C-alpha atoms as a PDB file:
ATOM      1  CA  MET A   1     115.439 107.344  61.979  1.00  0.00           C
ATOM      2  CA  THR A   2     116.498 109.991  59.434  1.00  0.00           C
ATOM      3  CA  GLU A   3     119.902 111.758  59.544  1.00  0.00           C
ATOM      4  CA  SER A   4     118.243 114.987  60.575  1.00  0.00           C
ATOM      5  CA  SER A   5     116.245 113.460  63.508  1.00  0.00           C
ATOM      6  CA  LYS A   6     117.646 113.324  66.983  1.00  0.00           C
ATOM      7  CA  PRO A   7     117.063 110.369  69.305  1.00  0.00           C
ATOM      8  CA  PHE A   8     114.951 111.142  72.335  1.00  0.00           C
ATOM      9  CA  VAL A   9     114.008 109.492  75.686  1.00  0.00           C
ATOM     10  CA  LEU A  10     110.519 108.073  75.710  1.00  0.00           C
ATOM     11  CA  ILE A  11     108.672 108.870  78.956  1.00  0.00           C
ATOM     12  CA  LEU A  12     105.434 106.918  79.646  1.00  0.00           C
ATOM     13  CA  GLN A  13     103.235 108.750  82.110  1.00  0.00           C
ATOM     14  CA  HIS A  14     100.104 107.325  83.833  1.00  0.00           C
ATOM     15  CA  ALA A  15      98.767 110.255  85.874  1.00  0.00           C
ATOM     16  CA  THR A  16      99.089 114.044  85.402  1.00  0.00           C
ATOM     17  CA  TRP A  17     100.608 114.445  88.905  1.00  0.00           C
ATOM     18  CA  GLU A  18     103.130 111.547  88.443  1.00  0.00           C
ATOM     19  CA  ARG A  19     105.629 113.736  86.518  1.00  0.00           C
ATOM     20  CA  PRO A  20     109.271 112.859  85.746  1.00  0.00           C
ATOM     21  CA  GLY A  21     110.548 115.819  87.760  1.00  0.00           C
ATOM     22  CA  ARG A  22     114.230 115.328  88.572  1.00  0.00           C
ATOM     23  CA  ILE A  23     114.575 112.553  85.935  1.00  0.00           C
ATOM     24  CA  GLN A  24     113.636 115.062  83.127  1.00  0.00           C
ATOM     25  CA  GLU A  25     116.037 117.639  84.645  1.00  0.00           C
ATOM     26  CA  ALA A  26     118.907 115.142  84.400  1.00  0.00           C
ATOM     27  CA  LEU A  27     118.019 114.238  80.851  1.00  0.00           C
ATOM     28  CA  GLU A  28     117.794 117.847  79.762  1.00  0.00           C
ATOM     29  CA  GLU A  29     121.104 118.594  81.415  1.00  0.00           C
ATOM     30  CA  ALA A  30     122.573 115.816  79.338  1.00  0.00           C
ATOM     31  CA  GLY A  31     121.287 117.505  76.229  1.00  0.00           C
ATOM     32  CA  LEU A  32     118.636 114.864  75.549  1.00  0.00           C
ATOM     33  CA  ASP A  33     115.210 115.502  74.120  1.00  0.00           C
ATOM     34  CA  THR A  34     112.187 113.801  75.716  1.00  0.00           C
ATOM     35  CA  LYS A  35     108.771 112.697  74.502  1.00  0.00           C
ATOM     36  CA  ILE A  36     106.045 112.177  77.114  1.00  0.00           C
ATOM     37  CA  MET A  37     103.159 109.934  76.241  1.00  0.00           C
ATOM     38  CA  THR A  38     100.158 108.391  78.008  1.00  0.00           C
ATOM     39  CA  ILE A  39      98.958 105.281  76.242  1.00  0.00           C
ATOM     40  CA  LEU A  40      96.983 103.574  78.996  1.00  0.00           C
ATOM     41  CA  ASP A  41      93.568 103.552  77.376  1.00  0.00           C
ATOM     42  CA  THR A  42      94.622 102.342  73.880  1.00  0.00           C
ATOM     43  CA  LYS A  43      94.770  98.693  72.976  1.00  0.00           C
ATOM     44  CA  LYS A  44      97.168  99.292  70.078  1.00  0.00           C
ATOM     45  CA  PRO A  45      98.704 102.718  70.717  1.00  0.00           C
ATOM     46  CA  ASP A  46     100.647 104.530  68.099  1.00  0.00           C
ATOM     47  CA  VAL A  47     104.042 104.562  69.744  1.00  0.00           C
ATOM     48  CA  PRO A  48     107.392 105.627  68.246  1.00  0.00           C
ATOM     49  CA  ASN A  49     109.563 103.185  66.453  1.00  0.00           C
ATOM     50  CA  PRO A  50     112.280 101.825  68.822  1.00  0.00           C
ATOM     51  CA  GLU A  51     114.969 103.248  66.526  1.00  0.00           C
ATOM     52  CA  GLU A  52     113.689 106.739  67.352  1.00  0.00           C
ATOM     53  CA  TYR A  53     114.336 106.678  71.094  1.00  0.00           C
ATOM     54  CA  CYS A  54     117.500 106.063  73.096  1.00  0.00           C
ATOM     55  CA  GLY A  55     115.921 105.257  76.527  1.00  0.00           C
ATOM     56  CA  VAL A  56     112.624 104.592  78.211  1.00  0.00           C
ATOM     57  CA  VAL A  57     111.222 105.953  81.492  1.00  0.00           C
ATOM     58  CA  ILE A  58     108.062 104.476  82.966  1.00  0.00           C
ATOM     59  CA  MET A  59     106.448 106.617  85.662  1.00  0.00           C
ATOM     60  CA  GLY A  60     104.203 105.708  88.608  1.00  0.00           C
ATOM     61  CA  GLY A  61     100.422 105.677  88.787  1.00  0.00           C
ATOM     62  CA  PRO A  62      97.475 104.476  90.828  1.00  0.00           C
ATOM     63  CA  MET A  63      96.707 101.470  88.710  1.00  0.00           C
ATOM     64  CA  GLY A  64      98.194  97.964  88.939  1.00  0.00           C
ATOM     65  CA  ALA A  65     100.944  96.756  86.556  1.00  0.00           C
ATOM     66  CA  LEU A  66      98.720  93.906  85.279  1.00  0.00           C
ATOM     67  CA  ASP A  67      95.408  95.820  85.024  1.00  0.00           C
ATOM     68  CA  PHE A  68      95.193  95.022  81.322  1.00  0.00           C
ATOM     69  CA  GLU A  69      91.420  94.862  81.195  1.00  0.00           C
ATOM     70  CA  ASP A  70      90.947  98.382  82.497  1.00  0.00           C
ATOM     71  CA  TYR A  71      94.113  99.802  80.959  1.00  0.00           C
ATOM     72  CA  PRO A  72      94.872  97.852  77.714  1.00  0.00           C
ATOM     73  CA  GLY A  73      97.816 100.142  76.899  1.00  0.00           C
ATOM     74  CA  LEU A  74      99.757  98.456  79.725  1.00  0.00           C
ATOM     75  CA  LYS A  75     100.359  95.469  77.459  1.00  0.00           C
ATOM     76  CA  ALA A  76     102.171  97.764  74.996  1.00  0.00           C
ATOM     77  CA  GLU A  77     104.283  99.164  77.891  1.00  0.00           C
ATOM     78  CA  HIS A  78     105.295  95.660  78.757  1.00  0.00           C
ATOM     79  CA  LYS A  79     106.297  94.966  75.229  1.00  0.00           C
ATOM     80  CA  ILE A  80     108.258  98.252  75.089  1.00  0.00           C
ATOM     81  CA  VAL A  81     110.246  97.205  78.114  1.00  0.00           C
ATOM     82  CA  LYS A  82     111.050  93.730  76.734  1.00  0.00           C
ATOM     83  CA  THR A  83     112.174  95.117  73.334  1.00  0.00           C
ATOM     84  CA  ALA A  84     114.329  97.826  74.959  1.00  0.00           C
ATOM     85  CA  VAL A  85     116.065  95.417  77.348  1.00  0.00           C
ATOM     86  CA  GLU A  86     116.648  92.901  74.532  1.00  0.00           C
ATOM     87  CA  SER A  87     118.562  95.657  72.602  1.00  0.00           C
ATOM     88  CA  ASN A  88     120.351  96.828  75.803  1.00  0.00           C
ATOM     89  CA  LYS A  89     118.596 100.149  75.712  1.00  0.00           C
ATOM     90  CA  PRO A  90     118.432 102.017  79.045  1.00  0.00           C
ATOM     91  CA  VAL A  91     115.074 101.629  80.928  1.00  0.00           C
ATOM     92  CA  LEU A  92     114.074 103.327  84.181  1.00  0.00           C
ATOM     93  CA  GLY A  93     110.920 102.526  86.112  1.00  0.00           C
ATOM     94  CA  ILE A  94     109.559 104.392  89.123  1.00  0.00           C
ATOM     95  CA  CYS A  95     106.950 102.722  91.467  1.00  0.00           C
ATOM     96  CA  LEU A  96     104.353 101.408  89.017  1.00  0.00           C
ATOM     97  CA  GLY A  97     107.082 101.579  86.363  1.00  0.00           C
ATOM     98  CA  HIS A  98     109.353  99.481  88.551  1.00  0.00           C
ATOM     99  CA  GLN A  99     106.493  96.883  88.773  1.00  0.00           C
ATOM    100  CA  ILE A 100     105.935  96.948  85.006  1.00  0.00           C
ATOM    101  CA  ILE A 101     109.609  96.296  84.393  1.00  0.00           C
ATOM    102  CA  ALA A 102     109.579  93.354  86.803  1.00  0.00           C
ATOM    103  CA  THR A 103     106.489  91.730  85.472  1.00  0.00           C
ATOM    104  CA  ALA A 104     107.408  92.351  81.844  1.00  0.00           C
ATOM    105  CA  LEU A 105     110.714  90.449  82.357  1.00  0.00           C
ATOM    106  CA  GLY A 106     109.247  87.482  84.311  1.00  0.00           C
ATOM    107  CA  GLY A 107     108.804  88.709  87.869  1.00  0.00           C
ATOM    108  CA  LYS A 108     105.663  88.377  89.907  1.00  0.00           C
ATOM    109  CA  LEU A 109     103.211  91.043  91.250  1.00  0.00           C
ATOM    110  CA  LYS A 110     101.302  90.780  94.490  1.00  0.00           C
ATOM    111  CA  LYS A 111      99.744  92.941  97.202  1.00  0.00           C
ATOM    112  CA  GLY A 112     102.213  93.910  99.956  1.00  0.00           C
ATOM    113  CA  LYS A 113     101.718  93.034 103.550  1.00  0.00           C
ATOM    114  CA  GLU A 114     100.771  96.619 104.147  1.00  0.00           C
ATOM    115  CA  SER A 115     100.948  99.953 102.273  1.00  0.00           C
ATOM    116  CA  GLU A 116     104.096 102.002 102.319  1.00  0.00           C
ATOM    117  CA  ILE A 117     103.096 105.648 102.180  1.00  0.00           C
ATOM    118  CA  GLY A 118     105.413 108.397 103.444  1.00  0.00           C
ATOM    119  CA  PHE A 119     109.037 108.214 104.436  1.00  0.00           C
ATOM    120  CA  GLY A 120     110.774 105.045 105.477  1.00  0.00           C
ATOM    121  CA  HIS A 121     114.185 103.569 105.485  1.00  0.00           C
ATOM    122  CA  ILE A 122     115.683 101.353 102.759  1.00  0.00           C
ATOM    123  CA  ASP A 123     118.779  99.159 103.197  1.00  0.00           C
ATOM    124  CA  ARG A 124     121.352  98.433 100.555  1.00  0.00           C
ATOM    125  CA  VAL A 125     121.400  94.794  99.501  1.00  0.00           C
ATOM    126  CA  ASN A 126     124.050  94.929  96.770  1.00  0.00           C
ATOM    127  CA  ARG A 127     126.234  97.555  95.255  1.00  0.00           C
ATOM    128  CA  HIS A 128     125.252  98.519  91.702  1.00  0.00           C
ATOM    129  CA  GLU A 129     126.396 101.328  89.493  1.00  0.00           C
ATOM    130  CA  PHE A 130     122.794 102.053  88.319  1.00  0.00           C
ATOM    131  CA  ALA A 131     121.563 103.053  91.796  1.00  0.00           C
ATOM    132  CA  PRO A 132     124.386 103.993  94.178  1.00  0.00           C
ATOM    133  CA  LEU A 133     123.482 103.744  97.854  1.00  0.00           C
ATOM    134  CA  GLU A 134     125.528 104.124 101.022  1.00  0.00           C
ATOM    135  CA  SER A 135     126.067 100.959 103.062  1.00  0.00           C
ATOM    136  CA  ASP A 136     123.678 102.222 105.788  1.00  0.00           C
ATOM    137  CA  GLY A 137     120.934 102.988 103.326  1.00  0.00           C
ATOM    138  CA  MET A 138     118.715 106.134 103.475  1.00  0.00           C
ATOM    139  CA  ASN A 139     115.206 107.378 104.096  1.00  0.00           C
ATOM    140  CA  VAL A 140     113.078 107.733 100.929  1.00  0.00           C
ATOM    141  CA  LEU A 141     109.563 108.581  99.949  1.00  0.00           C
ATOM    142  CA  HIS A 142     107.270 105.604  99.396  1.00  0.00           C
ATOM    143  CA  TRP A 143     103.710 105.510  97.921  1.00  0.00           C
ATOM    144  CA  HIS A 144     102.645 101.911  97.019  1.00  0.00           C
ATOM    145  CA  ASN A 145     100.608  98.912  97.862  1.00  0.00           C
ATOM    146  CA  ASP A 146     101.809  96.297  95.378  1.00  0.00           C
ATOM    147  CA  VAL A 147     105.194  94.674  95.504  1.00  0.00           C
ATOM    148  CA  VAL A 148     107.171  92.458  93.091  1.00  0.00           C
ATOM    149  CA  SER A 149     109.522  89.500  92.984  1.00  0.00           C
ATOM    150  CA  VAL A 150     112.421  89.976  90.541  1.00  0.00           C
ATOM    151  CA  PRO A 151     113.071  88.231  87.285  1.00  0.00           C
ATOM    152  CA  GLU A 152     115.649  85.506  87.298  1.00  0.00           C
ATOM    153  CA  GLY A 153     119.090  86.990  86.823  1.00  0.00           C
ATOM    154  CA  SER A 154     118.271  90.320  88.480  1.00  0.00           C
ATOM    155  CA  THR A 155     120.336  92.055  91.102  1.00  0.00           C
ATOM    156  CA  ILE A 156     118.410  93.335  94.111  1.00  0.00           C
ATOM    157  CA  ILE A 157     119.835  96.628  95.122  1.00  0.00           C
ATOM    158  CA  ALA A 158     117.683  97.728  98.031  1.00  0.00           C
ATOM    159  CA  LYS A 159     114.974  96.475 100.351  1.00  0.00           C
ATOM    160  CA  SER A 160     112.923  97.748 103.343  1.00  0.00           C
ATOM    161  CA  ASP A 161     111.433  95.936 106.323  1.00  0.00           C
ATOM    162  CA  ILE A 162     108.022  95.716 104.459  1.00  0.00           C
ATOM    163  CA  THR A 163     109.179  95.283 100.849  1.00  0.00           C
ATOM    164  CA  LYS A 164     111.871  92.876  99.884  1.00  0.00           C
ATOM    165  CA  VAL A 165     112.527  94.572  96.494  1.00  0.00           C
ATOM    166  CA  GLN A 166     112.842  98.375  96.694  1.00  0.00           C
ATOM    167  CA  ALA A 167     115.299  98.541  93.775  1.00  0.00           C
ATOM    168  CA  PHE A 168     116.613  96.074  91.244  1.00  0.00           C
ATOM    169  CA  ALA A 169     118.601  95.938  88.076  1.00  0.00           C
ATOM    170  CA  TYR A 170     118.155  93.566  85.135  1.00  0.00           C
ATOM    171  CA  GLY A 171     120.341  94.041  82.086  1.00  0.00           C
ATOM    172  CA  SER A 172     119.899  97.601  80.963  1.00  0.00           C
ATOM    173  CA  ALA A 173     116.867  98.213  83.191  1.00  0.00           C
ATOM    174  CA  LEU A 174     116.594  99.748  86.665  1.00  0.00           C
ATOM    175  CA  GLY A 175     113.480  99.653  88.772  1.00  0.00           C
ATOM    176  CA  LEU A 176     112.941 101.881  91.882  1.00  0.00           C
ATOM    177  CA  GLN A 177     109.942 101.267  94.012  1.00  0.00           C
ATOM    178  CA  TYR A 178     110.519 104.594  95.807  1.00  0.00           C
ATOM    179  CA  HIS A 179     110.369 108.156  94.611  1.00  0.00           C
ATOM    180  CA  LEU A 180     113.658 110.070  94.076  1.00  0.00           C
ATOM    181  CA  GLU A 181     112.190 112.109  91.232  1.00  0.00           C
ATOM    182  CA  VAL A 182     109.852 114.166  93.447  1.00  0.00           C
ATOM    183  CA  SER A 183     110.659 117.849  93.889  1.00  0.00           C
ATOM    184  CA  PRO A 184     109.051 120.196  96.423  1.00  0.00           C
ATOM    185  CA  ALA A 185     106.631 121.390  93.699  1.00  0.00           C
ATOM    186  CA  ILE A 186     105.608 117.838  92.748  1.00  0.00           C
ATOM    187  CA  LEU A 187     105.108 116.938  96.415  1.00  0.00           C
ATOM    188  CA  ASP A 188     102.811 119.893  96.826  1.00  0.00           C
ATOM    189  CA  GLN A 189     100.825 118.652  93.892  1.00  0.00           C
ATOM    190  CA  TRP A 190     100.618 115.123  95.277  1.00  0.00           C
ATOM    191  CA  LEU A 191      99.388 116.310  98.623  1.00  0.00           C
ATOM    192  CA  SER A 192      96.569 118.337  97.072  1.00  0.00           C
ATOM    193  CA  GLU A 193      95.530 115.456  94.781  1.00  0.00           C
ATOM    194  CA  PRO A 194      92.558 113.531  96.270  1.00  0.00           C
ATOM    195  CA  THR A 195      93.655 110.231  94.671  1.00  0.00           C
ATOM    196  CA  MET A 196      97.050 110.448  96.489  1.00  0.00           C
ATOM    197  CA  VAL A 197      95.862 111.478  99.942  1.00  0.00           C
ATOM    198  CA  GLU A 198      92.701 109.359 100.180  1.00  0.00           C
ATOM    199  CA  GLY A 199      92.637 107.850 103.653  1.00  0.00           C
ATOM    200  CA  LEU A 200      95.467 109.924 105.068  1.00  0.00           C
ATOM    201  CA  LYS A 201      94.908 112.116 108.142  1.00  0.00           C
ATOM    202  CA  LYS A 202      96.001 115.763 108.218  1.00  0.00           C
ATOM    203  CA  SER A 203      98.674 114.756 110.753  1.00  0.00           C
ATOM    204  CA  GLN A 204     100.072 112.228 108.298  1.00  0.00           C
ATOM    205  CA  ILE A 205     100.155 114.758 105.474  1.00  0.00           C
ATOM    206  CA  LYS A 206     101.946 117.169 107.722  1.00  0.00           C
ATOM    207  CA  LYS A 207     104.460 114.487 108.697  1.00  0.00           C
ATOM    208  CA  ILE A 208     105.161 113.775 105.059  1.00  0.00           C
ATOM    209  CA  ARG A 209     105.880 117.454 104.408  1.00  0.00           C
ATOM    210  CA  ASP A 210     108.102 117.736 107.482  1.00  0.00           C
ATOM    211  CA  GLU A 211     110.065 114.604 106.653  1.00  0.00           C
ATOM    212  CA  PHE A 212     110.487 115.678 102.997  1.00  0.00           C
ATOM    213  CA  GLU A 213     112.095 118.870 104.202  1.00  0.00           C
ATOM    214  CA  GLU A 214     114.370 116.943 106.563  1.00  0.00           C
ATOM    215  CA  ASN A 215     115.533 114.357 103.982  1.00  0.00           C
ATOM    216  CA  ASP A 216     115.451 116.203 100.666  1.00  0.00           C
ATOM    217  CA  THR A 217     119.050 117.348 100.631  1.00  0.00           C
ATOM    218  CA  LEU A 218     120.276 113.760 100.682  1.00  0.00           C
ATOM    219  CA  ILE A 219     117.519 112.489  98.401  1.00  0.00           C
ATOM    220  CA  HIS A 220     118.272 115.294  95.886  1.00  0.00           C
ATOM    221  CA  ARG A 221     121.931 114.350  95.819  1.00  0.00           C
ATOM    222  CA  VAL A 222     121.208 110.664  95.338  1.00  0.00           C
ATOM    223  CA  ALA A 223     118.638 111.446  92.698  1.00  0.00           C
ATOM    224  CA  ASP A 224     121.116 113.651  90.756  1.00  0.00           C
ATOM    225  CA  THR A 225     123.635 110.806  90.825  1.00  0.00           C
ATOM    226  CA  THR A 226     121.218 108.091  89.836  1.00  0.00           C
ATOM    227  CA  PHE A 227     119.365 109.956  87.108  1.00  0.00           C
ATOM    228  CA  SER A 228     122.556 111.565  85.667  1.00  0.00           C
ATOM    229  CA  ALA A 229     123.988 108.057  85.319  1.00  0.00           C
ATOM    230  CA  PHE A 230     120.816 106.952  83.503  1.00  0.00           C
ATOM    231  CA  ALA A 231     120.994 109.995  81.256  1.00  0.00           C
ATOM    232  CA  ALA A 232     124.648 109.285  80.438  1.00  0.00           C
ATOM    233  CA  ARG A 233     123.648 105.713  79.375  1.00  0.00           C
ATOM    234  CA  CYS A 234     120.830 107.146  77.234  1.00  0.00           C
ATOM    235  CA  ALA A 235     123.217 109.590  75.565  1.00  0.00           C
ATOM    236  CA  SER A 236     125.678 106.771  74.862  1.00  0.00           C
ATOM    237  CA  TYR A 237     122.881 104.770  73.246  1.00  0.00           C
ATOM    238  CA  ALA A 238     121.811 107.888  71.218  1.00  0.00           C
ATOM    239  CA  ARG A 239     125.316 108.055  69.752  1.00  0.00           C
ATOM    240  CA  GLU A 240     124.994 104.449  68.729  1.00  0.00           C
ATOM    241  CA  LEU A 241     121.638 105.158  67.028  1.00  0.00           C
ATOM    242  CA  ALA A 242     123.120 108.163  65.224  1.00  0.00           C
END
């Protein structure tokens, strides 16, 4: 990194509708630049040098975390996670990103007992500064089929009745199986995207809209706290790089 360059947060995106939303808002409020890349289809993608970025965000997507044959760039994403955590660089994963973090660090991926799509309750398992939750948990937006076991040495932060690992921390990494980043505009895009609503009835789509409106005040507050804390860690790492 040259003296004139400024560290940025690398955001790996897997689908046009799976945008960083409130994550990017928190990073921008912290004065951090971001670089969004999609590297799924490239076996050896041209990614930035690790010295150029001060944090990593890995977004969700419809593919599996280990679908290397169809999406060879996923191997590069696993390497990015491992390298970042080894250097104590902040990493945040959402849904698929959560699963990529887990599998990159030694966890296991498998199909869940059933899909979690729509709003459901998560319970706090352990307190952790990376993902603050009240003791009675909260209702959050889910959209996944696969689940993970955590790497050895992780702290499980939240669970649901269906999914044992809804949030975990390992070193400098935080994985969230659920979606705090979704704004009203992003939700509208999701619910008009055929890939996202395949198999859902109109009544189910309406229920998701209604429950988003009911829960978004709390979700927005928790998202701001969680993502601002991540941004602060990235800013601290940027100062070290500089």
